N, C-alpha and C. Protein backbone atom coordinates (compact mmCIF):
# COMPACT_ATOMS: atom_id res chain seq x y z
N UNK A 1 134.15 109.17 80.24
CA UNK A 1 132.82 108.79 80.89
C UNK A 1 133.42 108.45 82.26
N UNK A 2 132.49 109.02 83.12
CA UNK A 2 132.59 109.35 84.83
C UNK A 2 132.49 107.75 85.28
N UNK A 3 133.48 107.36 85.98
CA UNK A 3 133.21 105.65 86.82
C UNK A 3 132.52 105.65 88.05
N UNK A 4 131.64 104.71 87.52
CA UNK A 4 130.71 104.63 89.02
C UNK A 4 131.44 105.21 90.11
N UNK A 5 130.48 105.59 91.27
CA UNK A 5 130.86 106.13 93.09
C UNK A 5 130.63 104.65 93.30
N UNK A 6 131.61 104.73 94.09
CA UNK A 6 131.57 103.50 94.82
C UNK A 6 131.47 103.80 96.52
N UNK A 7 130.31 103.49 97.12
CA UNK A 7 130.17 103.36 98.23
C UNK A 7 130.82 103.02 99.62
N UNK A 8 131.32 103.55 100.03
CA UNK A 8 131.96 102.92 101.10
C UNK A 8 131.23 102.49 102.36
N UNK A 9 132.08 101.58 103.46
CA UNK A 9 130.82 100.62 103.78
C UNK A 9 130.51 101.62 104.96
N UNK A 10 130.79 103.29 105.62
CA UNK A 10 130.73 104.00 106.33
C UNK A 10 129.99 105.01 105.89
N UNK A 11 129.81 105.16 104.50
CA UNK A 11 128.69 106.06 104.29
C UNK A 11 127.19 104.55 103.78
N UNK A 12 127.27 103.98 103.53
CA UNK A 12 126.22 102.75 103.62
C UNK A 12 125.59 102.93 104.83
N UNK A 13 126.52 102.93 106.09
CA UNK A 13 125.81 102.73 107.19
C UNK A 13 125.28 103.97 107.78
N UNK A 14 125.80 105.20 107.54
CA UNK A 14 125.64 106.56 107.78
C UNK A 14 123.91 106.95 106.66
N UNK A 15 124.11 106.45 105.36
CA UNK A 15 122.57 106.48 104.84
C UNK A 15 121.64 105.74 105.19
N UNK A 16 121.86 104.55 106.08
CA UNK A 16 120.61 103.80 106.78
C UNK A 16 120.40 104.27 108.23
N UNK A 17 121.55 104.95 108.57
CA UNK A 17 121.09 105.59 110.42
C UNK A 17 120.61 106.66 109.96
N UNK A 18 120.50 107.43 109.20
CA UNK A 18 119.41 109.10 108.50
C UNK A 18 118.01 108.39 108.25
N UNK A 19 118.30 107.32 107.69
CA UNK A 19 116.82 106.92 107.11
C UNK A 19 116.19 106.39 108.51
N UNK A 20 116.77 105.67 109.41
CA UNK A 20 116.20 104.99 110.11
C UNK A 20 115.91 106.26 111.43
N UNK A 21 116.59 107.15 111.64
CA UNK A 21 116.26 108.26 112.48
C UNK A 21 114.72 108.88 111.98
N UNK A 22 115.11 109.29 110.64
CA UNK A 22 113.74 109.66 110.27
C UNK A 22 112.91 109.01 110.28
N UNK A 23 112.04 107.58 110.26
CA UNK A 23 111.54 106.75 110.58
C UNK A 23 110.88 106.79 111.70
N UNK A 24 112.13 106.57 112.30
CA UNK A 24 111.99 106.98 114.04
C UNK A 24 111.07 107.60 114.36
N UNK A 25 111.69 109.05 114.40
CA UNK A 25 110.85 109.97 114.37
C UNK A 25 109.42 110.68 113.82
N UNK A 26 109.52 109.71 112.60
CA UNK A 26 107.93 109.77 112.05
C UNK A 26 107.05 109.11 112.39
N UNK A 27 107.37 108.37 113.16
CA UNK A 27 106.48 106.87 113.77
C UNK A 27 106.03 107.06 115.39
N UNK A 28 107.08 108.07 115.87
CA UNK A 28 107.07 108.30 117.44
C UNK A 28 107.47 107.19 117.62
N UNK A 29 108.35 106.77 117.73
CA UNK A 29 108.81 105.01 118.29
C UNK A 29 110.18 105.68 118.86
N UNK A 30 109.84 105.27 120.56
CA UNK A 30 110.29 105.28 121.50
C UNK A 30 112.27 104.21 121.40
N UNK A 31 113.02 104.53 120.97
CA UNK A 31 113.74 103.16 121.27
C UNK A 31 115.14 104.27 121.61
N UNK A 32 116.02 103.26 122.70
CA UNK A 32 117.28 103.18 122.95
C UNK A 32 118.30 103.89 121.99
N UNK A 33 119.61 104.23 121.84
CA UNK A 33 120.34 104.80 121.23
C UNK A 33 120.94 103.55 120.79
N UNK A 34 121.12 103.08 121.44
CA UNK A 34 121.98 101.40 120.99
C UNK A 34 121.04 100.34 120.21
N UNK A 35 119.61 100.72 120.24
CA UNK A 35 118.67 99.70 119.21
C UNK A 35 119.02 100.40 117.95
N UNK A 36 119.07 101.88 117.87
CA UNK A 36 118.95 102.56 116.92
C UNK A 36 120.08 102.28 116.27
N UNK A 37 121.32 101.98 116.88
CA UNK A 37 122.52 101.87 116.13
C UNK A 37 122.36 100.53 115.50
N UNK A 38 121.91 99.75 116.25
CA UNK A 38 122.07 98.04 116.47
C UNK A 38 121.24 98.03 114.86
N UNK A 39 120.35 98.84 114.82
CA UNK A 39 119.57 98.64 113.55
C UNK A 39 120.18 98.90 112.30
N UNK A 40 120.91 100.01 112.30
CA UNK A 40 121.92 100.40 110.74
C UNK A 40 122.69 99.44 111.00
N UNK A 41 123.19 98.82 111.78
CA UNK A 41 124.48 97.79 111.84
C UNK A 41 123.67 96.73 110.98
N UNK A 42 122.37 96.11 111.50
CA UNK A 42 121.53 95.07 110.58
C UNK A 42 121.67 95.41 109.21
N UNK A 43 121.01 96.80 108.90
CA UNK A 43 121.03 96.59 107.50
C UNK A 43 122.07 97.05 106.82
N UNK A 44 123.14 97.34 107.16
CA UNK A 44 124.42 97.56 106.32
C UNK A 44 125.22 96.37 105.93
N UNK A 45 124.65 95.52 107.23
CA UNK A 45 125.41 93.96 107.30
C UNK A 45 124.52 93.00 106.22
N UNK A 46 123.05 93.11 106.35
CA UNK A 46 122.43 92.76 105.18
C UNK A 46 122.59 93.20 103.93
N UNK A 47 123.16 94.08 103.51
CA UNK A 47 123.40 94.80 101.64
C UNK A 47 123.32 93.60 101.27
N UNK A 48 124.34 92.68 101.32
CA UNK A 48 123.92 91.80 100.18
C UNK A 48 123.48 90.56 100.36
N UNK A 49 122.71 89.82 99.24
CA UNK A 49 121.46 88.91 99.38
C UNK A 49 122.15 87.56 100.51
N UNK A 50 123.70 87.53 100.16
CA UNK A 50 124.13 86.29 100.40
C UNK A 50 124.29 86.64 102.56
N UNK A 51 124.03 87.43 102.73
CA UNK A 51 123.98 87.49 104.13
C UNK A 51 122.57 86.96 104.30
N UNK A 52 121.93 86.37 104.12
CA UNK A 52 120.26 85.85 104.27
C UNK A 52 120.17 84.68 104.49
N UNK A 53 121.10 83.98 103.13
CA UNK A 53 121.26 82.73 103.18
C UNK A 53 122.41 81.66 104.24
N UNK A 54 121.82 80.71 104.01
CA UNK A 54 123.24 79.53 104.52
C UNK A 54 123.14 78.96 103.67
N UNK A 55 124.69 78.21 104.02
CA UNK A 55 125.47 77.63 103.25
C UNK A 55 125.27 75.48 103.35
N UNK A 56 124.67 74.70 103.07
CA UNK A 56 124.19 73.59 103.45
C UNK A 56 125.29 72.31 103.00
N UNK A 57 125.01 71.31 103.09
CA UNK A 57 125.97 70.24 103.05
C UNK A 57 127.14 70.07 101.86
N UNK A 58 126.06 70.64 100.62
CA UNK A 58 126.60 70.25 99.43
C UNK A 58 127.01 71.71 99.07
N UNK A 59 127.51 72.60 100.20
CA UNK A 59 128.24 73.95 99.66
C UNK A 59 127.02 75.00 99.22
N UNK A 60 125.83 74.43 98.68
CA UNK A 60 124.96 75.02 97.95
C UNK A 60 123.95 76.38 98.93
N UNK A 61 124.10 77.42 98.51
CA UNK A 61 123.44 78.64 99.32
C UNK A 61 121.67 78.51 99.40
N UNK A 62 121.41 78.86 100.13
CA UNK A 62 120.11 78.74 100.53
C UNK A 62 119.56 79.63 101.39
N UNK A 63 118.24 80.13 101.07
CA UNK A 63 117.75 80.46 102.74
C UNK A 63 116.63 79.48 103.45
N UNK A 64 116.83 79.42 104.60
CA UNK A 64 116.84 78.12 105.51
C UNK A 64 115.98 78.59 106.25
N UNK A 65 114.40 77.97 106.16
CA UNK A 65 113.12 78.19 107.02
C UNK A 65 113.75 78.61 108.68
N UNK A 66 112.56 79.41 109.00
CA UNK A 66 112.46 80.50 110.28
C UNK A 66 112.49 79.14 111.33
N UNK A 67 111.78 78.62 111.14
CA UNK A 67 111.57 77.12 112.31
C UNK A 67 112.78 76.37 112.42
N UNK A 68 113.39 76.09 111.48
CA UNK A 68 114.70 75.31 111.24
C UNK A 68 116.04 76.08 112.33
N UNK A 69 116.08 77.30 111.54
CA UNK A 69 116.49 78.34 112.59
C UNK A 69 116.97 78.24 113.82
N UNK A 70 115.32 78.14 114.58
CA UNK A 70 115.02 78.10 115.88
C UNK A 70 115.19 77.14 116.48
N UNK A 71 115.22 76.01 115.69
CA UNK A 71 115.27 74.52 116.23
C UNK A 71 116.65 74.45 116.53
N UNK A 72 117.70 74.81 115.45
CA UNK A 72 119.18 74.47 115.23
C UNK A 72 119.47 75.72 116.24
N UNK A 73 118.95 76.57 116.91
CA UNK A 73 119.53 77.30 117.98
C UNK A 73 119.29 76.95 119.46
N UNK A 74 118.43 76.14 119.31
CA UNK A 74 117.81 75.48 120.53
C UNK A 74 119.13 74.36 120.87
N UNK A 75 118.91 73.90 119.72
CA UNK A 75 119.97 72.77 120.05
C UNK A 75 121.85 72.94 120.39
N UNK A 76 121.77 74.26 120.12
CA UNK A 76 122.88 74.57 120.68
C UNK A 76 123.38 74.84 121.96
N UNK A 77 124.20 75.22 122.42
CA UNK A 77 124.65 75.71 124.10
C UNK A 77 125.56 76.78 123.85
N UNK A 78 125.31 77.92 124.82
CA UNK A 78 126.46 79.06 124.97
C UNK A 78 126.58 79.91 123.96
N UNK A 79 127.90 79.90 123.56
CA UNK A 79 128.23 81.19 122.87
C UNK A 79 127.10 80.74 121.23
N UNK A 80 127.72 79.39 121.13
CA UNK A 80 126.70 78.59 119.81
C UNK A 80 125.59 79.29 119.72
N UNK A 81 124.50 79.08 120.37
CA UNK A 81 123.30 79.27 120.25
C UNK A 81 122.98 80.62 120.16
N UNK A 82 123.93 81.64 121.22
CA UNK A 82 123.56 82.83 121.50
C UNK A 82 123.77 83.50 119.97
N UNK A 83 124.47 82.62 119.24
CA UNK A 83 125.32 83.60 117.45
C UNK A 83 123.53 83.42 116.85
N UNK A 84 123.24 81.71 117.17
CA UNK A 84 122.10 81.08 115.87
C UNK A 84 120.90 81.90 116.54
N UNK A 85 120.61 82.10 117.60
CA UNK A 85 119.21 82.82 117.80
C UNK A 85 119.35 84.67 117.87
N UNK A 86 120.58 85.02 117.96
CA UNK A 86 120.69 86.53 117.10
C UNK A 86 120.81 86.29 115.30
N UNK A 87 121.38 85.21 115.33
CA UNK A 87 121.17 85.34 113.58
C UNK A 87 119.73 85.37 113.18
N UNK A 88 118.55 84.17 113.70
CA UNK A 88 117.09 84.29 113.78
C UNK A 88 116.59 85.11 114.24
N UNK A 89 116.64 85.80 114.85
CA UNK A 89 115.95 87.65 114.90
C UNK A 89 116.33 88.60 114.00
N UNK A 90 117.50 89.04 113.44
CA UNK A 90 118.08 89.80 112.96
C UNK A 90 117.48 89.51 111.35
N UNK A 91 117.61 87.77 111.31
CA UNK A 91 116.77 87.74 110.04
C UNK A 91 115.53 87.63 109.57
N UNK A 92 114.69 87.97 110.41
CA UNK A 92 113.28 87.87 110.55
C UNK A 92 112.92 89.10 110.79
N UNK A 93 114.00 90.31 111.60
CA UNK A 93 113.60 91.35 111.27
C UNK A 93 113.58 92.31 110.40
N UNK A 94 114.77 92.12 109.46
CA UNK A 94 115.10 92.37 107.88
C UNK A 94 114.33 91.73 106.64
N UNK A 95 114.41 91.00 106.78
CA UNK A 95 113.02 90.08 106.08
C UNK A 95 111.26 90.91 106.44
N UNK A 96 111.27 90.70 107.35
CA UNK A 96 110.06 91.38 107.65
C UNK A 96 109.96 92.71 107.26
N UNK A 97 110.90 93.50 107.90
CA UNK A 97 110.41 94.96 107.46
C UNK A 97 111.11 95.80 106.33
N UNK A 98 111.54 94.74 105.48
CA UNK A 98 112.48 95.14 104.78
C UNK A 98 112.14 94.47 103.17
N UNK A 99 111.59 93.64 103.42
CA UNK A 99 110.77 92.74 102.01
C UNK A 99 109.03 91.99 102.82
N UNK A 100 108.54 93.18 103.43
CA UNK A 100 107.07 92.17 103.84
C UNK A 100 106.54 91.52 102.69
N UNK A 101 106.42 92.20 100.86
CA UNK A 101 105.87 91.82 100.64
C UNK A 101 106.19 90.43 100.19
N UNK A 102 107.44 90.07 100.01
CA UNK A 102 107.71 88.64 99.93
C UNK A 102 107.45 87.47 100.68
N UNK A 103 106.94 88.08 101.95
CA UNK A 103 106.14 86.76 102.42
C UNK A 103 104.53 86.69 102.60
N UNK A 104 103.94 87.65 101.86
CA UNK A 104 102.87 87.31 101.39
C UNK A 104 102.30 86.52 100.24
N UNK A 105 103.51 86.15 99.93
CA UNK A 105 103.39 84.97 98.98
C UNK A 105 104.04 84.00 99.01
N UNK A 106 104.19 83.59 100.31
CA UNK A 106 105.21 82.74 100.77
C UNK A 106 104.22 81.97 101.57
N UNK A 107 104.73 80.98 102.19
CA UNK A 107 103.96 79.76 103.44
C UNK A 107 103.97 80.97 104.87
N UNK A 108 105.24 81.69 105.30
CA UNK A 108 105.33 82.49 106.25
C UNK A 108 104.92 83.61 106.08
N UNK A 109 104.12 84.04 106.85
CA UNK A 109 103.39 85.27 106.78
C UNK A 109 104.17 86.64 107.70
N UNK A 110 103.91 87.97 107.64
CA UNK A 110 104.56 88.73 108.50
C UNK A 110 104.60 88.50 109.95
N UNK A 111 103.33 87.90 110.30
CA UNK A 111 102.91 87.61 111.67
C UNK A 111 103.67 86.71 112.13
N UNK A 112 104.05 86.16 111.67
CA UNK A 112 104.63 84.57 111.97
C UNK A 112 105.89 84.96 111.75
N UNK A 113 106.53 85.52 111.42
CA UNK A 113 108.30 86.08 111.36
C UNK A 113 108.28 87.17 112.27
N UNK A 114 107.40 87.63 112.71
CA UNK A 114 107.39 89.04 113.49
C UNK A 114 107.61 87.90 115.35
N UNK A 115 106.63 86.80 115.42
CA UNK A 115 106.72 85.93 116.39
C UNK A 115 107.87 85.28 117.00
N UNK A 116 108.30 84.66 115.52
CA UNK A 116 109.92 83.88 115.98
C UNK A 116 111.09 85.14 116.17
N UNK A 117 110.90 86.14 115.34
CA UNK A 117 111.99 87.03 115.59
C UNK A 117 112.27 87.60 117.54
N UNK A 118 111.11 88.28 117.36
CA UNK A 118 110.28 88.13 119.16
C UNK A 118 110.89 86.97 120.26
N UNK A 119 110.59 86.19 119.25
CA UNK A 119 111.16 84.76 120.60
C UNK A 119 112.21 84.85 120.87
N UNK A 120 113.25 84.98 119.89
CA UNK A 120 114.38 84.88 119.39
C UNK A 120 115.52 85.32 120.56
N UNK A 121 114.86 86.75 120.69
CA UNK A 121 115.23 87.92 120.95
C UNK A 121 115.43 87.83 122.38
N UNK A 122 114.26 87.40 122.64
CA UNK A 122 114.23 87.42 124.38
C UNK A 122 114.86 86.20 125.06
N UNK A 123 114.99 85.39 124.10
CA UNK A 123 115.53 84.04 124.40
C UNK A 123 117.45 84.15 124.39
N UNK A 124 117.51 85.17 123.22
CA UNK A 124 118.89 85.75 123.11
C UNK A 124 118.92 86.59 124.88
N UNK A 125 118.42 87.11 125.27
CA UNK A 125 118.60 88.21 125.95
C UNK A 125 118.59 87.11 127.47
N UNK A 126 117.77 85.82 127.66
CA UNK A 126 118.03 84.90 128.97
C UNK A 126 119.61 84.46 128.81
N UNK A 127 119.97 84.12 127.14
CA UNK A 127 121.29 83.87 127.52
C UNK A 127 122.37 84.36 127.76
N UNK A 128 122.42 85.69 127.25
CA UNK A 128 122.80 86.80 127.38
C UNK A 128 123.43 87.21 128.96
N UNK A 129 122.65 87.25 129.90
CA UNK A 129 122.09 86.93 130.93
C UNK A 129 122.48 86.31 132.18
N UNK A 130 122.41 84.76 131.25
CA UNK A 130 123.17 83.78 132.41
C UNK A 130 124.51 83.52 132.01
N UNK A 131 125.21 84.04 131.13
CA UNK A 131 126.61 83.77 130.92
C UNK A 131 127.21 85.54 130.93
N UNK A 132 126.60 86.26 131.86
CA UNK A 132 127.20 87.55 132.13
C UNK A 132 127.58 88.04 130.85
N UNK A 133 126.89 88.30 129.50
CA UNK A 133 127.82 89.11 128.41
C UNK A 133 127.09 90.16 128.34
N UNK A 134 127.19 91.24 129.33
CA UNK A 134 126.16 92.42 129.76
C UNK A 134 124.54 92.59 129.77
N UNK A 135 124.37 93.91 129.74
CA UNK A 135 123.09 94.17 130.24
C UNK A 135 122.16 93.10 129.05
N UNK A 136 120.88 92.87 129.48
CA UNK A 136 120.12 92.59 128.38
C UNK A 136 119.24 93.18 127.91
N UNK A 137 118.82 94.51 127.89
CA UNK A 137 118.20 95.56 127.99
C UNK A 137 117.81 95.82 126.49
N UNK A 138 119.11 95.94 125.82
CA UNK A 138 119.04 95.44 124.30
C UNK A 138 118.04 94.67 123.61
N UNK A 139 118.36 93.46 123.78
CA UNK A 139 117.44 92.48 123.53
C UNK A 139 116.28 92.17 123.84
N UNK A 140 116.38 92.74 124.91
CA UNK A 140 114.60 92.99 125.96
C UNK A 140 113.87 93.77 124.81
N UNK A 141 114.53 94.90 124.06
CA UNK A 141 113.51 96.32 123.44
C UNK A 141 112.94 95.43 121.93
N UNK A 142 114.34 94.77 121.67
CA UNK A 142 114.13 94.71 120.44
C UNK A 142 113.15 93.56 120.26
N UNK A 143 112.68 92.37 120.91
CA UNK A 143 112.17 91.42 121.23
C UNK A 143 110.49 92.01 121.88
N UNK A 144 110.45 93.13 122.82
CA UNK A 144 109.26 93.56 123.22
C UNK A 144 108.75 94.76 122.28
N UNK A 145 109.63 95.68 121.29
CA UNK A 145 108.99 96.68 120.34
C UNK A 145 109.24 95.62 118.91
N UNK A 146 109.74 94.48 118.47
CA UNK A 146 109.74 94.00 117.30
C UNK A 146 108.69 94.63 116.17
N UNK A 147 107.39 94.21 116.49
CA UNK A 147 106.43 94.72 115.46
C UNK A 147 106.37 96.30 115.24
N UNK A 148 106.51 96.97 116.34
CA UNK A 148 106.80 98.42 116.06
C UNK A 148 108.34 98.75 115.50
N UNK A 149 109.35 97.87 115.53
CA UNK A 149 110.54 98.05 114.63
C UNK A 149 110.43 97.59 113.38
N UNK A 150 109.51 96.76 112.72
CA UNK A 150 109.29 96.23 111.95
C UNK A 150 108.22 97.35 111.19
N UNK A 151 107.42 98.06 111.25
CA UNK A 151 106.98 99.03 110.89
C UNK A 151 108.23 100.35 110.86
N UNK A 152 108.97 100.29 111.42
CA UNK A 152 110.05 101.77 111.41
C UNK A 152 111.20 101.18 110.05
N UNK A 153 110.78 99.56 109.90
CA UNK A 153 111.85 99.37 108.80
C UNK A 153 111.09 99.29 107.47
N UNK A 154 109.74 98.82 107.24
CA UNK A 154 108.59 99.11 106.37
C UNK A 154 109.21 100.56 105.74
N UNK A 155 109.32 101.75 106.81
CA UNK A 155 109.16 103.30 106.29
C UNK A 155 110.86 103.07 106.10
N UNK A 156 111.47 102.74 106.25
CA UNK A 156 113.18 102.69 105.53
C UNK A 156 113.53 101.85 104.12
N UNK A 157 112.42 100.53 104.34
CA UNK A 157 112.44 99.96 102.60
C UNK A 157 111.97 101.29 101.79
N UNK A 158 110.81 101.89 101.88
CA UNK A 158 109.71 102.79 101.07
C UNK A 158 110.56 103.79 100.48
N UNK A 159 111.55 104.47 101.62
CA UNK A 159 111.76 105.68 101.27
C UNK A 159 113.11 105.27 100.25
N UNK A 160 114.09 103.84 100.79
CA UNK A 160 114.86 103.63 99.77
C UNK A 160 114.32 103.03 98.38
N UNK A 161 113.27 102.96 98.25
CA UNK A 161 112.50 102.66 97.05
C UNK A 161 111.93 104.05 96.24
N UNK A 162 112.32 104.35 96.90
CA UNK A 162 111.26 106.14 96.72
C UNK A 162 112.17 107.01 95.78
N UNK A 163 113.26 106.80 95.89
CA UNK A 163 114.66 106.84 95.02
C UNK A 163 114.11 107.08 93.40
N UNK A 164 113.66 106.07 92.83
CA UNK A 164 113.72 105.61 91.55
C UNK A 164 112.29 105.57 91.17
N UNK A 165 111.73 106.33 89.68
CA UNK A 165 110.40 106.18 89.53
C UNK A 165 110.04 104.90 89.22
N UNK A 166 110.37 103.88 89.14
CA UNK A 166 109.92 102.43 89.33
C UNK A 166 109.71 102.23 90.89
N UNK A 167 110.55 102.32 91.93
CA UNK A 167 110.00 102.37 93.16
C UNK A 167 109.29 103.42 93.46
N UNK A 168 108.94 104.46 92.76
CA UNK A 168 107.51 105.41 93.49
C UNK A 168 106.12 104.38 93.12
N UNK A 169 106.12 103.39 91.86
CA UNK A 169 105.61 103.38 91.09
C UNK A 169 104.74 102.00 91.65
N UNK A 170 106.17 101.29 92.36
CA UNK A 170 105.52 100.08 93.68
C UNK A 170 105.03 100.60 94.82
N UNK A 171 105.64 101.79 94.90
CA UNK A 171 104.97 101.98 96.25
C UNK A 171 103.55 102.21 96.64
N UNK A 172 103.20 103.31 94.83
CA UNK A 172 102.29 103.72 94.92
C UNK A 172 100.65 102.63 94.65
N UNK A 173 101.45 101.47 94.15
CA UNK A 173 100.45 100.31 93.97
C UNK A 173 100.17 99.80 95.34
N UNK A 174 101.14 99.24 96.15
CA UNK A 174 101.03 98.88 97.32
C UNK A 174 100.37 99.96 98.60
N UNK A 175 100.42 101.31 98.10
CA UNK A 175 99.03 102.41 98.62
C UNK A 175 97.56 102.02 98.32
N UNK A 176 97.84 101.59 96.79
CA UNK A 176 96.15 101.72 96.38
C UNK A 176 95.59 100.03 97.27
N UNK A 177 96.76 99.06 97.36
CA UNK A 177 96.24 98.12 98.20
C UNK A 177 96.04 98.20 99.55
N UNK A 178 96.41 98.76 100.00
CA UNK A 178 96.45 99.00 101.61
C UNK A 178 95.92 100.55 101.86
N UNK A 179 95.72 101.40 101.57
CA UNK A 179 95.36 102.74 101.58
C UNK A 179 95.86 103.57 103.30
N UNK A 180 97.44 103.00 103.23
CA UNK A 180 98.51 103.53 104.02
C UNK A 180 98.41 104.52 104.26
N UNK A 181 98.42 105.68 105.46
CA UNK A 181 98.60 107.09 105.34
C UNK A 181 100.27 107.24 105.49
N UNK A 182 100.83 106.62 105.81
CA UNK A 182 102.19 106.73 105.95
C UNK A 182 102.75 106.81 104.35
N UNK A 183 102.33 106.08 103.68
CA UNK A 183 103.02 105.83 102.38
C UNK A 183 102.34 106.91 101.80
N UNK A 184 101.56 107.29 101.89
CA UNK A 184 100.50 108.14 101.22
C UNK A 184 101.12 109.67 101.32
N UNK A 185 101.38 109.81 102.74
CA UNK A 185 102.49 110.77 103.04
C UNK A 185 103.72 111.03 102.29
N UNK A 186 104.61 110.00 102.16
CA UNK A 186 105.66 109.81 101.11
C UNK A 186 105.28 110.14 100.33
N UNK A 187 104.26 109.20 99.36
CA UNK A 187 104.19 109.83 97.90
C UNK A 187 103.62 111.53 97.98
N UNK A 188 103.27 111.98 98.90
CA UNK A 188 103.35 113.47 98.74
C UNK A 188 104.47 114.16 98.81
N UNK A 189 105.38 113.98 99.50
CA UNK A 189 106.72 114.53 99.65
C UNK A 189 107.63 114.31 98.24
N UNK A 190 107.15 113.49 97.61
CA UNK A 190 107.63 113.13 96.04
C UNK A 190 106.44 113.84 95.26
N UNK A 191 106.09 114.32 95.63
CA UNK A 191 104.77 115.16 94.34
C UNK A 191 104.31 114.17 93.47
N UNK A 192 103.54 112.87 94.44
CA UNK A 192 102.54 112.01 93.57
C UNK A 192 101.76 112.23 94.13
N UNK A 193 100.39 112.35 93.50
CA UNK A 193 98.99 112.76 94.11
C UNK A 193 98.47 111.51 94.89
N UNK A 194 98.17 111.21 95.82
CA UNK A 194 97.66 109.99 96.54
C UNK A 194 96.09 110.24 96.64
N UNK A 195 95.45 108.77 95.93
CA UNK A 195 93.80 109.25 96.24
C UNK A 195 93.43 109.00 97.55
N UNK A 196 92.38 109.65 97.82
CA UNK A 196 91.93 110.00 99.05
C UNK A 196 90.77 109.55 99.07
N UNK A 197 90.24 108.43 99.85
CA UNK A 197 89.14 107.58 100.11
C UNK A 197 88.27 108.67 100.73
N UNK A 198 86.96 108.93 100.33
CA UNK A 198 85.91 110.12 100.60
C UNK A 198 85.03 108.98 101.87
N UNK A 199 84.35 109.62 102.70
CA UNK A 199 83.44 108.82 103.68
C UNK A 199 82.03 107.61 102.79
N UNK A 200 81.92 108.25 101.41
CA UNK A 200 80.83 107.58 100.76
C UNK A 200 81.46 106.77 99.79
N UNK A 201 82.48 106.16 99.77
CA UNK A 201 83.22 105.55 98.98
C UNK A 201 83.53 106.16 97.82
N UNK A 202 83.32 107.56 97.55
CA UNK A 202 83.79 107.87 96.68
C UNK A 202 85.54 108.87 96.39
N UNK A 203 86.07 108.52 95.64
CA UNK A 203 87.48 109.23 95.38
C UNK A 203 87.98 110.44 95.09
N UNK A 204 88.47 110.89 95.41
CA UNK A 204 89.34 112.65 94.71
C UNK A 204 90.49 112.38 94.52
N UNK A 205 91.05 113.32 93.87
CA UNK A 205 92.33 113.30 94.00
C UNK A 205 92.90 114.59 94.68
């Protein structure tokens, strides 16, 4: 029996970097190289579910609401504030980009997560500039293009799912709900005929 292949941290990083490059090109999103590298590091760093969770006073791991993460960040100073703001921005971007469907069934929608994440990165830029921790261009781009980056991660998420038949079915069901041209293109790449809506409400394959 062949032993299961263990992926290295580098191979996982390279996998996400390749998907990110493709998604950025497909969506004609202009970002600096540092931002693309940051996103690849973010995706590989959040590979384990525990990375999205925080440990409470009783030692239990749970996902902390974004509003409380922002409050905690604003209550801190200096390096501690920067770390908390970065975690808020990263968590908002990852969840809204890779698991946007999970937000549709919660009290927090994608728009809220985008607003919180964008605000966090903007505030992080202020902290970095104030404490002389390098240029703020990366944080500015993450903040200003947050919505576009969510769309990029949406495509990365879909392409990751498309590696299995079950994933393709989920993508097709999402296309049926949204009519997304991007998802239709992805389905066509995998030989799945998307249903095209005609002007008078008729459907053709």
